[in-house]
């Protein structure tokens, strides 16, 4: 048991450090234009949701607090990148959707971000390792508490 605990902690530390190091590299990249990386995260999440998302859906997706997401969405709204609309499932809620400008910005920044991700992930990992990393990360997510 002690050996497993040590290995689990070493694995976590390696995973955490790798993610944090690559995330800092992505944040420093000259690809964001006038967006913050977290703002792009919202645009990306909305780009995958044709019916839009509620703010509560975004909280889980972009890993921010309700207040943080609300402020971020307000900034994106002011810039004309997202719009609020009625939620057909709940009259008290609204759904956020990308505007045409938001879609264009997401596609432009997303294409460069995808190229950067590819370079970062393939400079040390081959295809088989990438598949293993994807599968292990998915298993960790599926085994986590909601």
N, C-alpha and C. Protein backbone atom coordinates (compact mmCIF):
# COMPACT_ATOMS: atom_id res chain seq x y z
N UNK A 1 0.82 -1.20 0.00
CA UNK A 1 0.00 0.00 0.00
C UNK A 1 0.86 1.26 0.00
N UNK A 2 1.93 1.26 0.81
CA UNK A 2 2.79 2.45 0.88
C UNK A 2 3.44 2.72 -0.47
N UNK A 3 3.82 1.67 -1.19
CA UNK A 3 4.41 1.84 -2.52
C UNK A 3 3.42 2.43 -3.51
N UNK A 4 2.16 2.00 -3.40
CA UNK A 4 1.13 2.52 -4.29
C UNK A 4 0.86 3.99 -3.99
N UNK A 5 0.82 4.34 -2.71
CA UNK A 5 0.59 5.74 -2.34
C UNK A 5 1.71 6.63 -2.86
N UNK A 6 2.93 6.15 -2.73
CA UNK A 6 4.07 6.95 -3.21
C UNK A 6 3.99 7.11 -4.73
N UNK A 7 3.72 6.01 -5.44
CA UNK A 7 3.62 6.06 -6.90
C UNK A 7 2.48 6.98 -7.34
N UNK A 8 1.33 6.90 -6.66
CA UNK A 8 0.19 7.77 -6.99
C UNK A 8 0.57 9.23 -6.83
N UNK A 9 1.28 9.55 -5.76
CA UNK A 9 1.69 10.93 -5.52
C UNK A 9 2.74 11.40 -6.53
N UNK A 10 3.67 10.53 -6.88
CA UNK A 10 4.67 10.88 -7.90
C UNK A 10 4.00 11.10 -9.26
N UNK A 11 3.04 10.23 -9.58
CA UNK A 11 2.32 10.37 -10.85
C UNK A 11 1.54 11.68 -10.88
N UNK A 12 0.86 11.99 -9.77
CA UNK A 12 0.11 13.25 -9.70
C UNK A 12 1.04 14.45 -9.87
N UNK A 13 2.17 14.43 -9.18
CA UNK A 13 3.10 15.56 -9.25
C UNK A 13 3.62 15.74 -10.67
N UNK A 14 3.95 14.64 -11.35
CA UNK A 14 4.44 14.73 -12.72
C UNK A 14 3.34 15.27 -13.64
N UNK A 15 2.12 14.76 -13.49
CA UNK A 15 1.00 15.22 -14.31
C UNK A 15 0.73 16.71 -14.07
N UNK A 16 0.67 17.10 -12.81
CA UNK A 16 0.41 18.49 -12.45
C UNK A 16 1.47 19.43 -13.01
N UNK A 17 2.74 19.07 -12.83
CA UNK A 17 3.83 19.92 -13.32
C UNK A 17 3.83 20.01 -14.84
N UNK A 18 3.58 18.91 -15.51
CA UNK A 18 3.53 18.93 -16.98
C UNK A 18 2.40 19.83 -17.45
N UNK A 19 1.22 19.68 -16.87
CA UNK A 19 0.07 20.50 -17.28
C UNK A 19 0.34 21.97 -17.00
N UNK A 20 0.84 22.29 -15.82
CA UNK A 20 1.10 23.69 -15.46
C UNK A 20 2.16 24.31 -16.36
N UNK A 21 3.19 23.57 -16.68
CA UNK A 21 4.27 24.08 -17.53
C UNK A 21 3.76 24.35 -18.94
N UNK A 22 3.02 23.41 -19.51
CA UNK A 22 2.50 23.60 -20.86
C UNK A 22 1.44 24.70 -20.88
N UNK A 23 0.61 24.78 -19.83
CA UNK A 23 -0.40 25.84 -19.76
C UNK A 23 0.26 27.22 -19.74
N UNK A 24 1.36 27.37 -19.00
CA UNK A 24 2.09 28.65 -18.99
C UNK A 24 2.64 28.97 -20.38
N UNK A 25 3.12 27.95 -21.06
CA UNK A 25 3.63 28.14 -22.43
C UNK A 25 2.50 28.62 -23.33
N UNK A 26 1.33 28.01 -23.22
CA UNK A 26 0.18 28.41 -24.05
C UNK A 26 -0.23 29.84 -23.73
N UNK A 27 -0.28 30.18 -22.45
CA UNK A 27 -0.68 31.54 -22.06
C UNK A 27 0.28 32.59 -22.59
N UNK A 28 1.56 32.25 -22.66
CA UNK A 28 2.57 33.20 -23.12
C UNK A 28 2.63 33.30 -24.65
N UNK A 29 1.98 32.38 -25.32
CA UNK A 29 2.03 32.36 -26.79
C UNK A 29 1.40 33.62 -27.36
N UNK A 30 1.93 34.05 -28.48
CA UNK A 30 1.43 35.24 -29.15
C UNK A 30 0.35 34.85 -30.16
N UNK A 31 -0.73 34.24 -29.65
CA UNK A 31 -1.81 33.78 -30.53
C UNK A 31 -3.17 34.32 -30.12
N UNK A 32 -3.26 34.94 -28.97
CA UNK A 32 -4.56 35.27 -28.38
C UNK A 32 -5.16 36.58 -28.88
N UNK A 33 -4.37 37.41 -29.54
CA UNK A 33 -4.89 38.71 -29.94
C UNK A 33 -5.26 39.50 -28.71
N UNK A 34 -6.48 40.04 -28.67
CA UNK A 34 -6.90 40.80 -27.49
C UNK A 34 -7.73 39.95 -26.54
N UNK A 35 -7.68 38.63 -26.69
CA UNK A 35 -8.38 37.72 -25.78
C UNK A 35 -7.45 37.25 -24.67
N UNK A 36 -8.02 36.95 -23.54
CA UNK A 36 -7.32 36.21 -22.51
C UNK A 36 -7.56 34.72 -22.79
N UNK A 37 -6.64 33.84 -22.42
CA UNK A 37 -6.86 32.42 -22.67
C UNK A 37 -8.19 31.90 -22.10
N UNK A 38 -8.60 32.40 -20.95
CA UNK A 38 -9.88 31.94 -20.37
C UNK A 38 -11.07 32.44 -21.18
N UNK A 39 -10.93 33.62 -21.76
CA UNK A 39 -11.99 34.11 -22.63
C UNK A 39 -12.11 33.20 -23.86
N UNK A 40 -10.96 32.82 -24.40
CA UNK A 40 -10.99 31.88 -25.52
C UNK A 40 -11.65 30.57 -25.08
N UNK A 41 -11.39 30.12 -23.86
CA UNK A 41 -12.01 28.89 -23.35
C UNK A 41 -13.53 28.96 -23.41
N UNK A 42 -14.09 30.12 -23.09
CA UNK A 42 -15.54 30.30 -23.18
C UNK A 42 -15.99 30.26 -24.63
N UNK A 43 -15.27 30.96 -25.51
CA UNK A 43 -15.63 30.93 -26.92
C UNK A 43 -15.58 29.50 -27.47
N UNK A 44 -14.55 28.76 -27.07
CA UNK A 44 -14.42 27.37 -27.53
C UNK A 44 -15.60 26.53 -27.03
N UNK A 45 -15.91 26.65 -25.74
CA UNK A 45 -17.03 25.88 -25.18
C UNK A 45 -18.32 26.19 -25.92
N UNK A 46 -18.56 27.47 -26.21
CA UNK A 46 -19.78 27.86 -26.91
C UNK A 46 -19.76 27.37 -28.37
N UNK A 47 -18.58 27.25 -28.95
CA UNK A 47 -18.48 26.79 -30.34
C UNK A 47 -18.89 25.33 -30.48
N UNK A 48 -18.84 24.59 -29.39
CA UNK A 48 -19.20 23.17 -29.43
C UNK A 48 -20.65 22.94 -29.02
N UNK A 49 -21.39 24.01 -28.76
CA UNK A 49 -22.77 23.90 -28.27
C UNK A 49 -23.71 24.70 -29.17
N UNK A 50 -24.24 24.09 -30.23
CA UNK A 50 -25.07 24.84 -31.17
C UNK A 50 -26.31 25.46 -30.53
N UNK A 51 -26.82 24.87 -29.45
CA UNK A 51 -27.98 25.43 -28.76
C UNK A 51 -27.60 26.39 -27.65
N UNK A 52 -26.32 26.69 -27.52
CA UNK A 52 -25.84 27.59 -26.48
C UNK A 52 -25.66 26.86 -25.16
N UNK A 53 -25.14 27.58 -24.20
CA UNK A 53 -24.90 27.04 -22.87
C UNK A 53 -25.39 28.03 -21.82
N UNK A 54 -25.81 27.49 -20.70
CA UNK A 54 -26.10 28.32 -19.54
C UNK A 54 -24.78 28.67 -18.85
N UNK A 55 -24.80 29.72 -18.09
CA UNK A 55 -23.59 30.08 -17.34
C UNK A 55 -23.18 28.94 -16.42
N UNK A 56 -24.14 28.26 -15.83
CA UNK A 56 -23.80 27.14 -14.94
C UNK A 56 -23.07 26.03 -15.70
N UNK A 57 -23.39 25.84 -16.99
CA UNK A 57 -22.67 24.85 -17.80
C UNK A 57 -21.22 25.30 -18.01
N UNK A 58 -21.03 26.59 -18.20
CA UNK A 58 -19.68 27.12 -18.44
C UNK A 58 -18.80 27.00 -17.20
N UNK A 59 -19.38 27.11 -16.04
CA UNK A 59 -18.59 27.04 -14.80
C UNK A 59 -17.79 25.74 -14.77
N UNK A 60 -18.44 24.62 -15.09
CA UNK A 60 -17.75 23.34 -15.10
C UNK A 60 -16.74 23.26 -16.24
N UNK A 61 -17.08 23.85 -17.36
CA UNK A 61 -16.23 23.75 -18.56
C UNK A 61 -14.96 24.57 -18.44
N UNK A 62 -15.04 25.80 -17.94
CA UNK A 62 -13.86 26.67 -17.90
C UNK A 62 -13.23 26.75 -16.52
N UNK A 63 -13.78 26.01 -15.57
CA UNK A 63 -13.19 25.89 -14.23
C UNK A 63 -13.01 27.23 -13.52
N UNK A 64 -14.07 28.04 -13.55
CA UNK A 64 -14.09 29.31 -12.83
C UNK A 64 -15.30 29.33 -11.90
N UNK A 65 -15.32 30.27 -10.98
CA UNK A 65 -16.48 30.45 -10.10
C UNK A 65 -17.61 31.11 -10.88
N UNK A 66 -18.81 31.09 -10.31
CA UNK A 66 -19.96 31.74 -10.96
C UNK A 66 -19.67 33.22 -11.18
N UNK A 67 -19.12 33.89 -10.18
CA UNK A 67 -18.83 35.33 -10.32
C UNK A 67 -17.77 35.55 -11.41
N UNK A 68 -16.76 34.71 -11.44
CA UNK A 68 -15.71 34.84 -12.45
C UNK A 68 -16.25 34.65 -13.86
N UNK A 69 -17.10 33.64 -14.04
CA UNK A 69 -17.68 33.39 -15.35
C UNK A 69 -18.62 34.53 -15.74
N UNK A 70 -19.40 35.01 -14.79
CA UNK A 70 -20.34 36.11 -15.09
C UNK A 70 -19.59 37.36 -15.57
N UNK A 71 -18.48 37.70 -14.90
CA UNK A 71 -17.69 38.86 -15.31
C UNK A 71 -17.05 38.63 -16.69
N UNK A 72 -16.54 37.44 -16.89
CA UNK A 72 -15.91 37.11 -18.16
C UNK A 72 -16.92 37.19 -19.30
N UNK A 73 -18.11 36.62 -19.09
CA UNK A 73 -19.17 36.66 -20.11
C UNK A 73 -19.59 38.09 -20.38
N UNK A 74 -19.69 38.91 -19.34
CA UNK A 74 -20.07 40.31 -19.53
C UNK A 74 -19.05 41.02 -20.43
N UNK A 75 -17.77 40.75 -20.24
CA UNK A 75 -16.73 41.36 -21.09
C UNK A 75 -16.89 40.91 -22.54
N UNK A 76 -17.14 39.62 -22.73
CA UNK A 76 -17.30 39.09 -24.09
C UNK A 76 -18.56 39.66 -24.75
N UNK A 77 -19.61 39.85 -23.94
CA UNK A 77 -20.84 40.46 -24.46
C UNK A 77 -20.58 41.90 -24.91
N UNK A 78 -19.89 42.66 -24.08
CA UNK A 78 -19.58 44.06 -24.42
C UNK A 78 -18.78 44.16 -25.70
N UNK A 79 -17.97 43.17 -25.98
CA UNK A 79 -17.14 43.17 -27.19
C UNK A 79 -17.88 42.59 -28.40
N UNK A 80 -19.13 42.16 -28.19
CA UNK A 80 -19.93 41.65 -29.30
C UNK A 80 -19.59 40.24 -29.72
N UNK A 81 -18.95 39.46 -28.83
CA UNK A 81 -18.56 38.10 -29.19
C UNK A 81 -19.57 37.05 -28.75
N UNK A 82 -20.36 37.36 -27.72
CA UNK A 82 -21.41 36.44 -27.26
C UNK A 82 -22.69 37.24 -27.05
N UNK A 83 -23.81 36.51 -27.08
CA UNK A 83 -25.11 37.13 -26.86
C UNK A 83 -25.93 36.20 -25.96
N UNK A 84 -26.76 36.81 -25.13
CA UNK A 84 -27.67 36.04 -24.28
C UNK A 84 -29.00 35.88 -25.00
N UNK A 85 -29.57 34.69 -24.86
CA UNK A 85 -30.88 34.44 -25.44
C UNK A 85 -31.73 33.64 -24.46
N UNK A 86 -33.01 33.55 -24.75
CA UNK A 86 -33.91 32.80 -23.89
C UNK A 86 -33.52 31.33 -23.86
N UNK A 87 -33.78 30.70 -22.72
CA UNK A 87 -33.58 29.26 -22.57
C UNK A 87 -34.94 28.59 -22.70
N UNK A 88 -35.16 27.82 -23.75
CA UNK A 88 -36.48 27.20 -23.95
C UNK A 88 -36.84 26.19 -22.86
N UNK A 89 -35.85 25.71 -22.13
CA UNK A 89 -36.10 24.72 -21.08
C UNK A 89 -36.37 25.35 -19.71
N UNK A 90 -36.04 26.63 -19.56
CA UNK A 90 -36.18 27.29 -18.25
C UNK A 90 -36.35 28.78 -18.48
N UNK A 91 -37.54 29.28 -18.26
CA UNK A 91 -37.85 30.69 -18.49
C UNK A 91 -37.06 31.64 -17.61
N UNK A 92 -36.48 31.15 -16.50
CA UNK A 92 -35.70 32.01 -15.60
C UNK A 92 -34.25 32.12 -16.03
N UNK A 93 -33.82 31.23 -16.91
CA UNK A 93 -32.41 31.18 -17.31
C UNK A 93 -32.23 31.73 -18.72
N UNK A 94 -30.98 31.92 -19.09
CA UNK A 94 -30.67 32.32 -20.46
C UNK A 94 -29.58 31.39 -20.98
N UNK A 95 -29.46 31.37 -22.27
CA UNK A 95 -28.40 30.60 -22.93
C UNK A 95 -27.49 31.57 -23.65
N UNK A 96 -26.22 31.29 -23.57
CA UNK A 96 -25.21 32.10 -24.24
C UNK A 96 -24.86 31.45 -25.56
N UNK A 97 -24.71 32.27 -26.57
CA UNK A 97 -24.34 31.80 -27.90
C UNK A 97 -23.28 32.74 -28.47
N UNK A 98 -22.50 32.21 -29.38
CA UNK A 98 -21.53 33.04 -30.09
C UNK A 98 -22.26 33.92 -31.11
N UNK A 99 -21.78 35.12 -31.27
CA UNK A 99 -22.22 35.97 -32.38
C UNK A 99 -21.39 35.55 -33.60
N UNK A 100 -21.71 36.11 -34.76
CA UNK A 100 -20.92 35.83 -35.95
C UNK A 100 -19.46 36.25 -35.73
N UNK A 101 -19.27 37.40 -35.09
CA UNK A 101 -17.90 37.86 -34.78
C UNK A 101 -17.23 36.90 -33.81
N UNK A 102 -17.97 36.43 -32.81
CA UNK A 102 -17.42 35.47 -31.84
C UNK A 102 -16.99 34.18 -32.52
N UNK A 103 -17.80 33.71 -33.47
CA UNK A 103 -17.44 32.50 -34.22
C UNK A 103 -16.17 32.72 -35.01
N UNK A 104 -16.04 33.87 -35.65
CA UNK A 104 -14.85 34.16 -36.45
C UNK A 104 -13.60 34.24 -35.58
N UNK A 105 -13.71 34.90 -34.44
CA UNK A 105 -12.57 35.01 -33.52
C UNK A 105 -12.20 33.64 -33.00
N UNK A 106 -13.19 32.84 -32.61
CA UNK A 106 -12.91 31.49 -32.09
C UNK A 106 -12.21 30.64 -33.15
N UNK A 107 -12.67 30.69 -34.37
CA UNK A 107 -12.05 29.88 -35.44
C UNK A 107 -10.61 30.34 -35.69
N UNK A 108 -10.40 31.64 -35.74
CA UNK A 108 -9.06 32.16 -36.03
C UNK A 108 -8.07 31.82 -34.91
N UNK A 109 -8.44 32.13 -33.68
CA UNK A 109 -7.55 31.85 -32.55
C UNK A 109 -7.45 30.34 -32.34
N UNK A 110 -8.56 29.63 -32.52
CA UNK A 110 -8.56 28.19 -32.31
C UNK A 110 -7.63 27.46 -33.25
N UNK A 111 -7.56 27.90 -34.50
CA UNK A 111 -6.67 27.24 -35.46
C UNK A 111 -5.21 27.39 -35.03
N UNK A 112 -4.84 28.58 -34.59
CA UNK A 112 -3.46 28.79 -34.14
C UNK A 112 -3.20 28.03 -32.83
N UNK A 113 -4.16 28.03 -31.93
CA UNK A 113 -4.01 27.31 -30.67
C UNK A 113 -3.85 25.81 -30.94
N UNK A 114 -4.62 25.27 -31.87
CA UNK A 114 -4.51 23.84 -32.21
C UNK A 114 -3.12 23.52 -32.75
N UNK A 115 -2.57 24.39 -33.57
CA UNK A 115 -1.21 24.17 -34.08
C UNK A 115 -0.20 24.21 -32.93
N UNK A 116 -0.39 25.14 -32.00
CA UNK A 116 0.52 25.25 -30.85
C UNK A 116 0.42 24.00 -29.97
N UNK A 117 -0.79 23.54 -29.73
CA UNK A 117 -0.99 22.32 -28.95
C UNK A 117 -0.28 21.15 -29.62
N UNK A 118 -0.46 21.03 -30.91
CA UNK A 118 0.16 19.92 -31.64
C UNK A 118 1.67 19.95 -31.49
N UNK A 119 2.28 21.13 -31.66
CA UNK A 119 3.73 21.24 -31.50
C UNK A 119 4.16 20.86 -30.08
N UNK A 120 3.45 21.39 -29.08
CA UNK A 120 3.83 21.13 -27.69
C UNK A 120 3.69 19.64 -27.32
N UNK A 121 2.62 19.03 -27.79
CA UNK A 121 2.35 17.64 -27.40
C UNK A 121 3.17 16.62 -28.19
N UNK A 122 3.61 16.98 -29.39
CA UNK A 122 4.34 16.00 -30.20
C UNK A 122 5.85 16.16 -30.13
N UNK A 123 6.35 17.17 -29.45
CA UNK A 123 7.81 17.31 -29.37
C UNK A 123 8.41 16.27 -28.42
N UNK A 124 7.60 15.71 -27.51
CA UNK A 124 8.14 14.70 -26.60
C UNK A 124 7.36 13.39 -26.62
N UNK A 125 6.18 13.38 -27.25
CA UNK A 125 5.34 12.18 -27.24
C UNK A 125 5.05 11.72 -28.67
N UNK A 126 5.11 10.39 -28.87
CA UNK A 126 4.72 9.86 -30.17
C UNK A 126 3.22 9.53 -30.15
N UNK A 127 2.70 9.05 -31.26
CA UNK A 127 1.27 8.79 -31.39
C UNK A 127 0.75 7.82 -30.33
N UNK A 128 1.47 6.77 -30.08
CA UNK A 128 1.05 5.78 -29.09
C UNK A 128 1.00 6.40 -27.68
N UNK A 129 1.99 7.21 -27.36
CA UNK A 129 2.01 7.88 -26.05
C UNK A 129 0.87 8.88 -25.93
N UNK A 130 0.58 9.60 -27.01
CA UNK A 130 -0.55 10.53 -26.99
C UNK A 130 -1.86 9.79 -26.75
N UNK A 131 -2.03 8.64 -27.40
CA UNK A 131 -3.25 7.85 -27.18
C UNK A 131 -3.34 7.37 -25.74
N UNK A 132 -2.22 6.93 -25.18
CA UNK A 132 -2.20 6.48 -23.79
C UNK A 132 -2.51 7.63 -22.85
N UNK A 133 -1.92 8.79 -23.09
CA UNK A 133 -2.18 9.97 -22.25
C UNK A 133 -3.65 10.35 -22.32
N UNK A 134 -4.22 10.37 -23.52
CA UNK A 134 -5.64 10.67 -23.68
C UNK A 134 -6.50 9.68 -22.90
N UNK A 135 -6.20 8.39 -23.04
CA UNK A 135 -6.99 7.36 -22.38
C UNK A 135 -6.86 7.43 -20.85
N UNK A 136 -5.65 7.66 -20.37
CA UNK A 136 -5.44 7.78 -18.92
C UNK A 136 -6.15 9.02 -18.36
N UNK A 137 -6.05 10.13 -19.07
CA UNK A 137 -6.70 11.36 -18.61
C UNK A 137 -8.21 11.19 -18.61
N UNK A 138 -8.75 10.54 -19.62
CA UNK A 138 -10.19 10.28 -19.68
C UNK A 138 -10.61 9.40 -18.53
N UNK A 139 -9.83 8.38 -18.22
CA UNK A 139 -10.15 7.50 -17.09
C UNK A 139 -10.14 8.27 -15.78
N UNK A 140 -9.18 9.16 -15.59
CA UNK A 140 -9.15 9.98 -14.37
C UNK A 140 -10.39 10.85 -14.27
N UNK A 141 -10.80 11.46 -15.38
CA UNK A 141 -12.00 12.29 -15.37
C UNK A 141 -13.25 11.47 -15.06
N UNK A 142 -13.35 10.31 -15.69
CA UNK A 142 -14.52 9.46 -15.47
C UNK A 142 -14.58 8.93 -14.04
N UNK A 143 -13.43 8.78 -13.40
CA UNK A 143 -13.39 8.28 -12.04
C UNK A 143 -13.48 9.35 -10.97
N UNK A 144 -13.56 10.60 -11.38
CA UNK A 144 -13.61 11.68 -10.40
C UNK A 144 -15.04 11.90 -9.88
N UNK A 145 -15.13 12.61 -8.78
CA UNK A 145 -16.43 12.93 -8.21
C UNK A 145 -17.00 14.14 -8.94
N UNK A 146 -18.32 14.14 -9.18
CA UNK A 146 -18.93 15.28 -9.90
C UNK A 146 -18.90 16.56 -9.07
